[in-house]
């Protein structure tokens, strides 16, 4: 049986492997929200953290564009109420406060441990490209930087990463580095059954995993 780690626990592990997860902090109580928000000039996202709630958006467990302590405390109240309404017996660890990033191109990086092939990495563009067009590709892990670049260029929607529709070109080297690090994490940890970085946002020459989950053999 696969045990899924929540976003906070997953990011705490992944950042040790050099996977860019951006700035975040965990507020374990309402009283901890204001001090965290006072240090932030940029807007933040706030997300419910619970091992019992996998789909945070479905549970009403995400609030965006929060500014300042007052908005943060109000968001805490809403998130906790939504979590209780969604799953009354859910054990809530706290609320993740995450600095928001500029708009960019969304991609998905994932991995699983296949019975036949072993550790496998998946890559594709986010949104309708994966949901409707199923435009994803797979490679056996671990990957070299060249293999990661080949994986990136193999999807049909690759032109979206090179500046199509007026978008700024994605830093392909940084994206390839994230894929390599993810593949190494999956390969080196035999008890990891799956990993999901969705979405990974590519913006202003950077890449960052906005959400993450790790599934262990539990």
N, C-alpha and C. Protein backbone atom coordinates (compact mmCIF):
# COMPACT_ATOMS: atom_id res chain seq x y z
N UNK A 1 0.84 -1.19 0.00
CA UNK A 1 0.00 0.00 0.00
C UNK A 1 0.88 1.25 0.00
N UNK A 2 0.54 2.23 -0.83
CA UNK A 2 1.33 3.45 -0.94
C UNK A 2 0.82 4.50 0.05
N UNK A 3 1.74 5.03 0.86
CA UNK A 3 1.41 6.11 1.80
C UNK A 3 1.89 7.43 1.20
N UNK A 4 0.98 8.38 1.04
CA UNK A 4 1.31 9.67 0.44
C UNK A 4 1.69 10.68 1.52
N UNK A 5 2.84 11.32 1.33
CA UNK A 5 3.24 12.40 2.21
C UNK A 5 2.56 13.69 1.78
N UNK A 6 2.26 14.56 2.73
CA UNK A 6 1.64 15.83 2.38
C UNK A 6 2.67 16.76 1.73
N UNK A 7 2.20 17.90 1.24
CA UNK A 7 3.06 18.82 0.50
C UNK A 7 4.24 19.32 1.34
N UNK A 8 3.98 19.67 2.58
CA UNK A 8 5.06 20.20 3.42
C UNK A 8 6.14 19.15 3.64
N UNK A 9 5.74 17.95 4.03
CA UNK A 9 6.71 16.88 4.27
C UNK A 9 7.48 16.53 3.00
N UNK A 10 6.78 16.53 1.87
CA UNK A 10 7.42 16.22 0.59
C UNK A 10 8.47 17.26 0.23
N UNK A 11 8.12 18.54 0.38
CA UNK A 11 9.06 19.61 0.03
C UNK A 11 10.27 19.62 0.96
N UNK A 12 10.07 19.30 2.23
CA UNK A 12 11.19 19.24 3.16
C UNK A 12 12.22 18.21 2.71
N UNK A 13 11.77 17.13 2.11
CA UNK A 13 12.67 16.09 1.60
C UNK A 13 13.29 16.51 0.28
N UNK A 14 12.47 16.99 -0.64
CA UNK A 14 12.93 17.27 -2.00
C UNK A 14 13.95 18.39 -2.07
N UNK A 15 13.84 19.39 -1.19
CA UNK A 15 14.80 20.50 -1.25
C UNK A 15 16.20 20.03 -0.88
N UNK A 16 16.30 18.91 -0.16
CA UNK A 16 17.61 18.36 0.17
C UNK A 16 18.28 17.76 -1.06
N UNK A 17 17.51 17.49 -2.10
CA UNK A 17 18.05 16.96 -3.35
C UNK A 17 18.24 18.06 -4.39
N UNK A 18 18.14 19.31 -3.96
CA UNK A 18 18.36 20.41 -4.88
C UNK A 18 17.18 20.70 -5.79
N UNK A 19 16.02 20.14 -5.49
CA UNK A 19 14.83 20.41 -6.29
C UNK A 19 14.24 21.74 -5.83
N UNK A 20 14.12 22.73 -6.72
CA UNK A 20 13.66 24.06 -6.31
C UNK A 20 12.17 24.06 -5.95
N UNK A 21 11.90 24.34 -4.69
CA UNK A 21 10.52 24.36 -4.21
C UNK A 21 10.12 25.75 -3.70
N UNK A 22 11.02 26.73 -3.81
CA UNK A 22 10.69 28.09 -3.43
C UNK A 22 10.61 28.29 -1.93
N UNK A 23 10.20 29.51 -1.54
CA UNK A 23 10.08 29.84 -0.11
C UNK A 23 8.71 29.42 0.41
N UNK A 24 8.72 28.82 1.59
CA UNK A 24 7.47 28.46 2.25
C UNK A 24 7.71 28.37 3.75
N UNK A 25 6.63 28.41 4.50
CA UNK A 25 6.70 28.23 5.95
C UNK A 25 5.42 27.55 6.40
N UNK A 26 5.51 26.78 7.46
CA UNK A 26 4.33 26.09 7.99
C UNK A 26 3.85 26.79 9.25
N UNK A 27 2.61 27.26 9.21
CA UNK A 27 1.96 27.82 10.40
C UNK A 27 1.17 26.69 11.06
N UNK A 28 1.56 26.34 12.28
CA UNK A 28 0.89 25.24 12.97
C UNK A 28 -0.28 25.71 13.82
N UNK A 29 -0.42 27.03 13.96
CA UNK A 29 -1.54 27.59 14.70
C UNK A 29 -1.91 28.94 14.09
N UNK A 30 -3.08 29.43 14.42
CA UNK A 30 -3.52 30.74 13.92
C UNK A 30 -2.58 31.85 14.37
N UNK A 31 -2.03 31.69 15.57
CA UNK A 31 -1.14 32.71 16.13
C UNK A 31 0.18 32.81 15.36
N UNK A 32 0.55 31.77 14.65
CA UNK A 32 1.81 31.79 13.90
C UNK A 32 1.67 32.45 12.53
N UNK A 33 0.44 32.70 12.10
CA UNK A 33 0.21 33.25 10.76
C UNK A 33 0.74 34.67 10.64
N UNK A 34 0.37 35.54 11.58
CA UNK A 34 0.72 36.96 11.49
C UNK A 34 2.23 37.20 11.43
N UNK A 35 3.04 36.57 12.30
CA UNK A 35 4.48 36.79 12.21
C UNK A 35 5.08 36.38 10.86
N UNK A 36 4.55 35.31 10.29
CA UNK A 36 5.04 34.86 8.97
C UNK A 36 4.67 35.87 7.90
N UNK A 37 3.44 36.34 7.91
CA UNK A 37 2.96 37.25 6.87
C UNK A 37 3.63 38.62 6.97
N UNK A 38 3.98 39.04 8.17
CA UNK A 38 4.61 40.36 8.33
C UNK A 38 5.98 40.42 7.66
N UNK A 39 6.61 39.28 7.47
CA UNK A 39 7.93 39.23 6.85
C UNK A 39 7.85 39.21 5.32
N UNK A 40 6.63 39.09 4.78
CA UNK A 40 6.47 38.93 3.34
C UNK A 40 5.89 40.18 2.69
N UNK A 41 6.59 40.71 1.71
CA UNK A 41 6.07 41.83 0.94
C UNK A 41 5.23 41.33 -0.24
N UNK A 42 5.60 40.16 -0.76
CA UNK A 42 4.89 39.60 -1.90
C UNK A 42 3.63 38.87 -1.43
N UNK A 43 2.63 38.76 -2.32
CA UNK A 43 1.44 37.96 -1.97
C UNK A 43 1.81 36.50 -1.79
N UNK A 44 1.03 35.80 -0.99
CA UNK A 44 1.31 34.39 -0.72
C UNK A 44 0.08 33.55 -1.00
N UNK A 45 0.33 32.27 -1.19
CA UNK A 45 -0.74 31.27 -1.21
C UNK A 45 -0.75 30.59 0.15
N UNK A 46 -1.93 30.19 0.59
CA UNK A 46 -2.05 29.45 1.84
C UNK A 46 -2.80 28.15 1.56
N UNK A 47 -2.23 27.03 2.06
CA UNK A 47 -2.77 25.71 1.73
C UNK A 47 -2.89 24.87 3.00
N UNK A 48 -3.99 24.17 3.11
CA UNK A 48 -4.20 23.28 4.23
C UNK A 48 -3.21 22.11 4.13
N UNK A 49 -2.63 21.71 5.25
CA UNK A 49 -1.70 20.59 5.26
C UNK A 49 -2.26 19.49 6.16
N UNK A 50 -2.60 18.39 5.54
CA UNK A 50 -3.16 17.24 6.26
C UNK A 50 -2.89 15.97 5.48
N UNK A 51 -2.41 14.94 6.16
CA UNK A 51 -2.21 13.65 5.49
C UNK A 51 -3.54 13.05 5.05
N UNK A 52 -4.63 13.53 5.63
CA UNK A 52 -5.96 12.99 5.33
C UNK A 52 -6.65 13.70 4.18
N UNK A 53 -6.06 14.79 3.68
CA UNK A 53 -6.65 15.54 2.56
C UNK A 53 -5.63 15.60 1.44
N UNK A 54 -5.83 14.77 0.43
CA UNK A 54 -4.89 14.69 -0.70
C UNK A 54 -5.17 15.80 -1.71
N UNK A 55 -6.45 16.00 -2.02
CA UNK A 55 -6.83 16.98 -3.04
C UNK A 55 -7.24 18.29 -2.36
N UNK A 56 -6.28 19.15 -2.16
CA UNK A 56 -6.51 20.38 -1.38
C UNK A 56 -7.51 21.31 -2.05
N UNK A 57 -7.41 21.47 -3.37
CA UNK A 57 -8.31 22.38 -4.08
C UNK A 57 -9.75 21.91 -3.97
N UNK A 58 -9.95 20.62 -4.16
CA UNK A 58 -11.29 20.03 -4.06
C UNK A 58 -11.89 20.26 -2.68
N UNK A 59 -11.04 20.29 -1.67
CA UNK A 59 -11.50 20.46 -0.29
C UNK A 59 -11.66 21.93 0.10
N UNK A 60 -11.42 22.84 -0.85
CA UNK A 60 -11.45 24.26 -0.50
C UNK A 60 -10.28 24.64 0.38
N UNK A 61 -9.17 23.92 0.19
CA UNK A 61 -8.02 24.08 1.06
C UNK A 61 -6.91 24.94 0.51
N UNK A 62 -7.22 25.83 -0.44
CA UNK A 62 -6.21 26.71 -1.02
C UNK A 62 -6.76 28.13 -1.12
N UNK A 63 -5.99 29.10 -0.67
CA UNK A 63 -6.34 30.52 -0.82
C UNK A 63 -5.14 31.24 -1.45
N UNK A 64 -5.42 32.06 -2.46
CA UNK A 64 -4.36 32.72 -3.21
C UNK A 64 -4.36 34.23 -2.98
N UNK A 65 -3.22 34.84 -3.30
CA UNK A 65 -3.07 36.30 -3.27
C UNK A 65 -3.41 36.91 -1.91
N UNK A 66 -2.90 36.28 -0.88
CA UNK A 66 -3.10 36.77 0.48
C UNK A 66 -2.00 37.78 0.82
N UNK A 67 -2.41 38.92 1.34
CA UNK A 67 -1.44 39.96 1.74
C UNK A 67 -1.71 40.39 3.18
N UNK A 68 -0.68 40.38 3.98
CA UNK A 68 -0.78 40.93 5.32
C UNK A 68 -1.37 39.98 6.34
N UNK A 69 -1.13 40.32 7.62
CA UNK A 69 -1.54 39.46 8.72
C UNK A 69 -3.05 39.30 8.81
N UNK A 70 -3.79 40.39 8.59
CA UNK A 70 -5.25 40.32 8.73
C UNK A 70 -5.86 39.37 7.71
N UNK A 71 -5.43 39.50 6.45
CA UNK A 71 -5.94 38.58 5.41
C UNK A 71 -5.49 37.15 5.70
N UNK A 72 -4.28 37.00 6.22
CA UNK A 72 -3.77 35.67 6.51
C UNK A 72 -4.56 34.97 7.60
N UNK A 73 -4.91 35.69 8.65
CA UNK A 73 -5.69 35.09 9.73
C UNK A 73 -7.10 34.75 9.26
N UNK A 74 -7.67 35.60 8.41
CA UNK A 74 -9.00 35.30 7.85
C UNK A 74 -8.94 34.07 6.96
N UNK A 75 -7.86 33.95 6.18
CA UNK A 75 -7.69 32.78 5.32
C UNK A 75 -7.54 31.51 6.15
N UNK A 76 -6.81 31.59 7.26
CA UNK A 76 -6.67 30.44 8.16
C UNK A 76 -8.05 29.95 8.60
N UNK A 77 -8.90 30.87 9.02
CA UNK A 77 -10.23 30.49 9.50
C UNK A 77 -11.03 29.77 8.42
N UNK A 78 -10.97 30.30 7.19
CA UNK A 78 -11.71 29.70 6.08
C UNK A 78 -11.15 28.31 5.76
N UNK A 79 -9.83 28.19 5.69
CA UNK A 79 -9.21 26.91 5.34
C UNK A 79 -9.53 25.83 6.36
N UNK A 80 -9.47 26.18 7.64
CA UNK A 80 -9.77 25.19 8.68
C UNK A 80 -11.24 24.78 8.65
N UNK A 81 -12.12 25.75 8.40
CA UNK A 81 -13.55 25.45 8.31
C UNK A 81 -13.85 24.56 7.11
N UNK A 82 -13.22 24.86 5.98
CA UNK A 82 -13.42 24.05 4.78
C UNK A 82 -12.91 22.63 4.98
N UNK A 83 -11.77 22.50 5.63
CA UNK A 83 -11.21 21.17 5.87
C UNK A 83 -12.13 20.34 6.76
N UNK A 84 -12.69 20.97 7.78
CA UNK A 84 -13.60 20.26 8.68
C UNK A 84 -14.88 19.85 7.96
N UNK A 85 -15.37 20.73 7.07
CA UNK A 85 -16.59 20.41 6.32
C UNK A 85 -16.32 19.29 5.31
N UNK A 86 -15.13 19.29 4.73
CA UNK A 86 -14.77 18.30 3.70
C UNK A 86 -14.54 16.92 4.32
N UNK A 87 -13.80 16.91 5.43
CA UNK A 87 -13.49 15.64 6.09
C UNK A 87 -13.40 15.90 7.60
N UNK A 88 -14.51 15.72 8.30
CA UNK A 88 -14.58 16.10 9.72
C UNK A 88 -13.51 15.46 10.59
N UNK A 89 -13.07 14.25 10.25
CA UNK A 89 -12.09 13.57 11.09
C UNK A 89 -10.65 13.79 10.63
N UNK A 90 -10.44 14.68 9.66
CA UNK A 90 -9.09 14.92 9.15
C UNK A 90 -8.21 15.55 10.23
N UNK A 91 -6.99 15.05 10.36
CA UNK A 91 -6.02 15.63 11.28
C UNK A 91 -5.23 16.70 10.52
N UNK A 92 -5.39 17.94 10.91
CA UNK A 92 -4.73 19.06 10.22
C UNK A 92 -3.42 19.38 10.92
N UNK A 93 -2.33 19.35 10.15
CA UNK A 93 -1.00 19.65 10.69
C UNK A 93 -0.77 21.16 10.78
N UNK A 94 -1.40 21.90 9.87
CA UNK A 94 -1.23 23.35 9.85
C UNK A 94 -1.59 23.90 8.49
N UNK A 95 -1.09 25.09 8.20
CA UNK A 95 -1.32 25.74 6.91
C UNK A 95 0.03 26.14 6.33
N UNK A 96 0.26 25.75 5.09
CA UNK A 96 1.49 26.12 4.39
C UNK A 96 1.33 27.52 3.80
N UNK A 97 2.27 28.39 4.11
CA UNK A 97 2.32 29.73 3.53
C UNK A 97 3.42 29.73 2.49
N UNK A 98 3.07 30.02 1.26
CA UNK A 98 4.01 29.90 0.14
C UNK A 98 4.02 31.18 -0.69
N UNK A 99 5.21 31.70 -0.93
CA UNK A 99 5.33 32.91 -1.74
C UNK A 99 4.87 32.62 -3.17
N UNK A 100 4.01 33.48 -3.70
CA UNK A 100 3.52 33.29 -5.06
C UNK A 100 4.58 33.74 -6.06
N UNK A 101 4.52 33.18 -7.26
CA UNK A 101 5.50 33.48 -8.30
C UNK A 101 4.79 34.08 -9.50
N UNK A 102 5.53 34.76 -10.39
CA UNK A 102 4.90 35.32 -11.59
C UNK A 102 4.32 34.23 -12.48
N UNK A 103 3.45 34.63 -13.39
CA UNK A 103 2.90 33.67 -14.34
C UNK A 103 4.01 33.13 -15.23
N UNK A 104 3.82 31.91 -15.68
CA UNK A 104 4.80 31.27 -16.54
C UNK A 104 4.18 30.06 -17.21
N UNK A 105 5.02 29.21 -17.74
CA UNK A 105 4.57 27.98 -18.39
C UNK A 105 4.53 26.87 -17.34
N UNK A 106 3.39 26.19 -17.25
CA UNK A 106 3.24 25.10 -16.28
C UNK A 106 3.58 23.76 -16.92
N UNK A 107 4.44 23.00 -16.24
CA UNK A 107 4.76 21.65 -16.68
C UNK A 107 4.57 20.70 -15.51
N UNK A 108 4.58 19.43 -15.82
CA UNK A 108 4.44 18.38 -14.81
C UNK A 108 5.66 17.48 -14.88
N UNK A 109 6.25 17.21 -13.73
CA UNK A 109 7.33 16.23 -13.63
C UNK A 109 6.89 15.19 -12.61
N UNK A 110 6.90 13.94 -13.02
CA UNK A 110 6.47 12.88 -12.12
C UNK A 110 7.35 11.67 -12.25
N UNK A 111 7.10 10.70 -11.40
CA UNK A 111 7.87 9.47 -11.47
C UNK A 111 7.16 8.35 -10.74
N UNK A 112 7.50 7.14 -11.12
CA UNK A 112 6.93 5.97 -10.46
C UNK A 112 7.92 4.82 -10.54
N UNK A 113 7.71 3.83 -9.69
CA UNK A 113 8.56 2.64 -9.69
C UNK A 113 7.77 1.51 -10.33
N UNK A 114 8.09 1.24 -11.59
CA UNK A 114 7.37 0.23 -12.37
C UNK A 114 7.92 -1.16 -12.06
N UNK A 115 7.01 -2.14 -11.99
CA UNK A 115 7.41 -3.51 -11.67
C UNK A 115 8.39 -4.05 -12.70
N UNK A 116 8.16 -3.73 -13.98
CA UNK A 116 9.00 -4.26 -15.05
C UNK A 116 10.23 -3.40 -15.33
N UNK A 117 10.05 -2.07 -15.38
CA UNK A 117 11.12 -1.19 -15.82
C UNK A 117 11.87 -0.50 -14.68
N UNK A 118 11.37 -0.59 -13.47
CA UNK A 118 12.02 0.09 -12.36
C UNK A 118 11.61 1.55 -12.30
N UNK A 119 12.49 2.44 -11.81
CA UNK A 119 12.14 3.86 -11.69
C UNK A 119 11.99 4.52 -13.05
N UNK A 120 10.87 5.20 -13.24
CA UNK A 120 10.54 5.84 -14.53
C UNK A 120 10.13 7.29 -14.25
N UNK A 121 10.63 8.21 -15.10
CA UNK A 121 10.30 9.63 -14.98
C UNK A 121 9.32 10.02 -16.08
N UNK A 122 8.35 10.86 -15.74
CA UNK A 122 7.36 11.37 -16.70
C UNK A 122 7.47 12.88 -16.79
N UNK A 123 7.28 13.42 -18.01
CA UNK A 123 7.32 14.86 -18.22
C UNK A 123 6.25 15.26 -19.23
N UNK A 124 5.62 16.40 -18.99
CA UNK A 124 4.66 16.95 -19.95
C UNK A 124 4.28 18.35 -19.56
N UNK A 125 3.59 19.05 -20.46
CA UNK A 125 3.04 20.36 -20.13
C UNK A 125 1.80 20.18 -19.27
N UNK A 126 1.51 21.18 -18.44
CA UNK A 126 0.37 21.09 -17.56
C UNK A 126 -0.93 21.46 -18.24
N UNK A 127 -2.00 21.53 -17.43
CA UNK A 127 -3.30 21.94 -17.94
C UNK A 127 -3.88 20.97 -18.95
N UNK A 128 -4.47 21.52 -20.00
CA UNK A 128 -5.17 20.69 -20.99
C UNK A 128 -4.22 19.77 -21.74
N UNK A 129 -2.94 20.11 -21.78
CA UNK A 129 -2.00 19.29 -22.54
C UNK A 129 -1.86 17.90 -21.94
N UNK A 130 -1.93 17.79 -20.64
CA UNK A 130 -1.87 16.48 -20.02
C UNK A 130 -3.26 15.91 -19.80
N UNK A 131 -4.24 16.76 -19.47
CA UNK A 131 -5.58 16.27 -19.15
C UNK A 131 -6.34 15.80 -20.38
N UNK A 132 -6.22 16.54 -21.48
CA UNK A 132 -6.99 16.22 -22.68
C UNK A 132 -6.14 15.53 -23.74
N UNK A 133 -4.96 16.11 -24.02
CA UNK A 133 -4.14 15.60 -25.12
C UNK A 133 -3.20 14.48 -24.69
N UNK A 134 -3.05 14.26 -23.39
CA UNK A 134 -2.17 13.20 -22.87
C UNK A 134 -0.77 13.32 -23.45
N UNK A 135 -0.30 14.56 -23.60
CA UNK A 135 1.01 14.81 -24.21
C UNK A 135 2.10 14.70 -23.15
N UNK A 136 2.45 13.45 -22.81
CA UNK A 136 3.51 13.20 -21.84
C UNK A 136 4.46 12.15 -22.41
N UNK A 137 5.68 12.16 -21.91
CA UNK A 137 6.68 11.19 -22.32
C UNK A 137 7.35 10.60 -21.08
N UNK A 138 7.90 9.40 -21.23
CA UNK A 138 8.52 8.68 -20.11
C UNK A 138 9.95 8.27 -20.46
N UNK A 139 10.79 8.21 -19.43
CA UNK A 139 12.16 7.72 -19.57
C UNK A 139 12.53 6.97 -18.28
N UNK A 140 13.39 5.97 -18.43
CA UNK A 140 13.87 5.24 -17.26
C UNK A 140 14.88 6.09 -16.50
N UNK A 141 14.79 6.06 -15.19
CA UNK A 141 15.68 6.85 -14.33
C UNK A 141 16.85 5.98 -13.84
N UNK A 142 17.99 6.65 -13.49
CA UNK A 142 18.22 8.10 -13.48
C UNK A 142 18.55 8.62 -14.88
N UNK A 143 18.38 9.92 -15.07
CA UNK A 143 18.66 10.56 -16.35
C UNK A 143 19.89 11.44 -16.25
N UNK A 144 20.64 11.51 -17.34
CA UNK A 144 21.72 12.49 -17.46
C UNK A 144 21.11 13.81 -17.91
N UNK A 145 21.85 14.93 -17.82
CA UNK A 145 21.32 16.20 -18.33
C UNK A 145 20.92 16.13 -19.80
N UNK A 146 21.70 15.43 -20.62
CA UNK A 146 21.35 15.30 -22.04
C UNK A 146 20.06 14.51 -22.21
N UNK A 147 19.90 13.42 -21.45
CA UNK A 147 18.68 12.63 -21.55
C UNK A 147 17.47 13.43 -21.07
N UNK A 148 17.66 14.27 -20.07
CA UNK A 148 16.57 15.11 -19.59
C UNK A 148 16.16 16.12 -20.65
N UNK A 149 17.13 16.72 -21.34
CA UNK A 149 16.81 17.65 -22.43
C UNK A 149 16.10 16.94 -23.57
N UNK A 150 16.53 15.71 -23.87
CA UNK A 150 15.86 14.92 -24.92
C UNK A 150 14.41 14.64 -24.52
N UNK A 151 14.19 14.37 -23.24
CA UNK A 151 12.83 14.13 -22.75
C UNK A 151 11.97 15.38 -22.92
N UNK A 152 12.53 16.53 -22.59
CA UNK A 152 11.80 17.80 -22.71
C UNK A 152 11.41 18.06 -24.16
N UNK A 153 12.34 17.86 -25.08
CA UNK A 153 12.09 18.18 -26.49
C UNK A 153 11.21 17.14 -27.18
N UNK A 154 10.95 16.00 -26.51
CA UNK A 154 10.20 14.92 -27.15
C UNK A 154 8.69 15.13 -27.13
N UNK A 155 8.20 16.03 -26.28
CA UNK A 155 6.74 16.22 -26.23
C UNK A 155 6.28 17.05 -27.43
N UNK A 156 5.05 16.83 -27.85
CA UNK A 156 4.51 17.52 -29.02
C UNK A 156 4.40 19.03 -28.79
N UNK A 157 4.15 19.41 -27.55
CA UNK A 157 3.95 20.82 -27.22
C UNK A 157 5.25 21.54 -26.90
N UNK A 158 6.39 20.95 -27.25
CA UNK A 158 7.68 21.57 -26.95
C UNK A 158 7.79 23.02 -27.40
N UNK A 159 7.23 23.41 -28.58
CA UNK A 159 7.33 24.83 -28.98
C UNK A 159 6.78 25.80 -27.94
N UNK A 160 5.86 25.35 -27.07
CA UNK A 160 5.35 26.21 -26.00
C UNK A 160 6.46 26.61 -25.03
N UNK A 161 7.53 25.83 -25.00
CA UNK A 161 8.63 26.12 -24.08
C UNK A 161 9.70 27.01 -24.70
N UNK A 162 9.57 27.29 -25.97
CA UNK A 162 10.61 28.05 -26.67
C UNK A 162 10.17 29.44 -27.08
N UNK A 163 9.04 29.90 -26.54
CA UNK A 163 8.61 31.26 -26.80
C UNK A 163 7.40 31.39 -27.69
N UNK A 164 6.63 30.31 -27.87
CA UNK A 164 5.42 30.39 -28.68
C UNK A 164 4.39 31.28 -28.01
N UNK A 165 3.52 31.90 -28.81
CA UNK A 165 2.44 32.76 -28.33
C UNK A 165 2.96 33.93 -27.48
N UNK A 166 4.14 34.40 -27.81
CA UNK A 166 4.66 35.56 -27.11
C UNK A 166 5.21 35.30 -25.73
N UNK A 167 5.23 34.02 -25.32
CA UNK A 167 5.77 33.67 -24.01
C UNK A 167 7.29 33.80 -24.04
N UNK A 168 7.89 34.13 -22.92
CA UNK A 168 9.34 34.13 -22.81
C UNK A 168 9.83 32.69 -22.85
N UNK A 169 10.95 32.43 -23.53
CA UNK A 169 11.48 31.06 -23.59
C UNK A 169 11.81 30.53 -22.19
N UNK A 170 11.57 29.25 -22.01
CA UNK A 170 11.86 28.60 -20.74
C UNK A 170 13.36 28.32 -20.64
N UNK A 171 13.89 28.40 -19.44
CA UNK A 171 15.28 28.02 -19.18
C UNK A 171 15.35 26.49 -19.20
N UNK A 172 15.66 25.94 -20.35
CA UNK A 172 15.62 24.48 -20.52
C UNK A 172 16.66 23.78 -19.67
N UNK A 173 17.82 24.43 -19.47
CA UNK A 173 18.86 23.82 -18.64
C UNK A 173 18.39 23.68 -17.19
N UNK A 174 17.73 24.72 -16.68
CA UNK A 174 17.22 24.66 -15.31
C UNK A 174 16.13 23.61 -15.17
N UNK A 175 15.28 23.50 -16.19
CA UNK A 175 14.22 22.49 -16.17
C UNK A 175 14.82 21.09 -16.24
N UNK A 176 15.83 20.92 -17.09
CA UNK A 176 16.50 19.62 -17.20
C UNK A 176 17.17 19.25 -15.88
N UNK A 177 17.75 20.23 -15.21
CA UNK A 177 18.39 19.98 -13.91
C UNK A 177 17.37 19.52 -12.88
N UNK A 178 16.19 20.12 -12.88
CA UNK A 178 15.13 19.68 -11.97
C UNK A 178 14.74 18.23 -12.27
N UNK A 179 14.62 17.89 -13.55
CA UNK A 179 14.26 16.52 -13.93
C UNK A 179 15.33 15.54 -13.50
N UNK A 180 16.61 15.90 -13.70
CA UNK A 180 17.71 15.03 -13.29
C UNK A 180 17.68 14.80 -11.79
N UNK A 181 17.49 15.86 -11.01
CA UNK A 181 17.44 15.74 -9.55
C UNK A 181 16.28 14.86 -9.11
N UNK A 182 15.13 15.01 -9.77
CA UNK A 182 13.97 14.19 -9.45
C UNK A 182 14.24 12.72 -9.76
N UNK A 183 14.89 12.47 -10.89
CA UNK A 183 15.20 11.09 -11.28
C UNK A 183 16.20 10.46 -10.32
N UNK A 184 17.16 11.25 -9.83
CA UNK A 184 18.13 10.73 -8.87
C UNK A 184 17.46 10.42 -7.54
N UNK A 185 16.56 11.29 -7.11
CA UNK A 185 15.83 11.03 -5.87
C UNK A 185 15.05 9.73 -5.96
N UNK A 186 14.35 9.53 -7.07
CA UNK A 186 13.55 8.32 -7.25
C UNK A 186 14.44 7.08 -7.30
N UNK A 187 15.57 7.18 -7.99
CA UNK A 187 16.46 6.03 -8.15
C UNK A 187 17.14 5.64 -6.84
N UNK A 188 17.49 6.64 -6.03
CA UNK A 188 18.26 6.38 -4.82
C UNK A 188 17.41 5.93 -3.64
N UNK A 189 16.11 6.15 -3.71
CA UNK A 189 15.23 5.81 -2.58
C UNK A 189 14.28 4.69 -3.00
N UNK A 190 14.68 3.47 -2.68
CA UNK A 190 13.94 2.30 -3.15
C UNK A 190 12.54 2.20 -2.57
N UNK A 191 12.30 2.86 -1.43
CA UNK A 191 10.98 2.78 -0.81
C UNK A 191 10.01 3.80 -1.39
N UNK A 192 10.49 4.67 -2.28
CA UNK A 192 9.61 5.65 -2.92
C UNK A 192 8.91 4.99 -4.10
N UNK A 193 7.59 5.00 -4.08
CA UNK A 193 6.80 4.38 -5.14
C UNK A 193 6.43 5.37 -6.24
N UNK A 194 6.22 6.63 -5.85
CA UNK A 194 5.83 7.64 -6.84
C UNK A 194 6.18 9.03 -6.33
N UNK A 195 6.30 9.95 -7.28
CA UNK A 195 6.54 11.35 -6.96
C UNK A 195 5.80 12.19 -7.98
N UNK A 196 5.22 13.29 -7.51
CA UNK A 196 4.43 14.15 -8.40
C UNK A 196 4.76 15.61 -8.09
N UNK A 197 5.35 16.30 -9.07
CA UNK A 197 5.59 17.74 -8.98
C UNK A 197 4.64 18.39 -9.96
N UNK A 198 3.55 18.94 -9.45
CA UNK A 198 2.48 19.42 -10.33
C UNK A 198 1.69 20.54 -9.65
N UNK A 199 1.87 21.78 -10.18
CA UNK A 199 2.69 22.08 -11.36
C UNK A 199 4.11 22.50 -10.99
N UNK A 200 4.97 22.39 -11.99
CA UNK A 200 6.26 23.07 -11.97
C UNK A 200 6.09 24.30 -12.86
N UNK A 201 6.37 25.47 -12.33
CA UNK A 201 6.18 26.70 -13.10
C UNK A 201 7.54 27.18 -13.60
N UNK A 202 7.57 27.53 -14.90
CA UNK A 202 8.79 28.03 -15.54
C UNK A 202 8.58 29.52 -15.79
N UNK A 203 9.37 30.37 -15.13
CA UNK A 203 9.15 31.81 -15.21
C UNK A 203 10.47 32.55 -15.09
N UNK A 204 10.63 33.60 -15.89
CA UNK A 204 11.76 34.54 -15.77
C UNK A 204 13.10 33.84 -15.60
N UNK A 205 13.30 32.80 -16.38
CA UNK A 205 14.58 32.09 -16.31
C UNK A 205 14.71 31.10 -15.18
N UNK A 206 13.67 30.94 -14.38
CA UNK A 206 13.70 30.03 -13.24
C UNK A 206 12.67 28.92 -13.40
N UNK A 207 12.81 27.90 -12.58
CA UNK A 207 11.79 26.85 -12.47
C UNK A 207 11.54 26.59 -10.99
N UNK A 208 10.30 26.23 -10.67
CA UNK A 208 9.96 25.98 -9.27
C UNK A 208 8.78 25.03 -9.18
N UNK A 209 8.91 24.02 -8.33
CA UNK A 209 7.79 23.11 -8.07
C UNK A 209 6.85 23.77 -7.08
N UNK A 210 5.65 24.13 -7.54
CA UNK A 210 4.68 24.80 -6.67
C UNK A 210 3.98 23.82 -5.73
N UNK A 211 3.82 22.59 -6.17
CA UNK A 211 3.18 21.58 -5.34
C UNK A 211 3.96 20.28 -5.51
N UNK A 212 3.95 19.46 -4.50
CA UNK A 212 4.72 18.22 -4.54
C UNK A 212 4.10 17.18 -3.63
N UNK A 213 4.19 15.93 -4.05
CA UNK A 213 3.78 14.82 -3.18
C UNK A 213 4.66 13.62 -3.47
N UNK A 214 4.94 12.87 -2.42
CA UNK A 214 5.77 11.67 -2.52
C UNK A 214 4.96 10.51 -1.96
N UNK A 215 4.98 9.39 -2.68
CA UNK A 215 4.31 8.19 -2.22
C UNK A 215 5.33 7.13 -1.82
N UNK A 216 5.24 6.66 -0.57
CA UNK A 216 6.15 5.66 -0.06
C UNK A 216 5.46 4.31 0.04
N UNK A 217 6.27 3.26 0.01
CA UNK A 217 5.76 1.92 0.23
C UNK A 217 5.47 1.79 1.72
N UNK A 218 4.18 1.92 2.06
CA UNK A 218 3.84 1.92 3.48
C UNK A 218 2.91 0.83 3.86
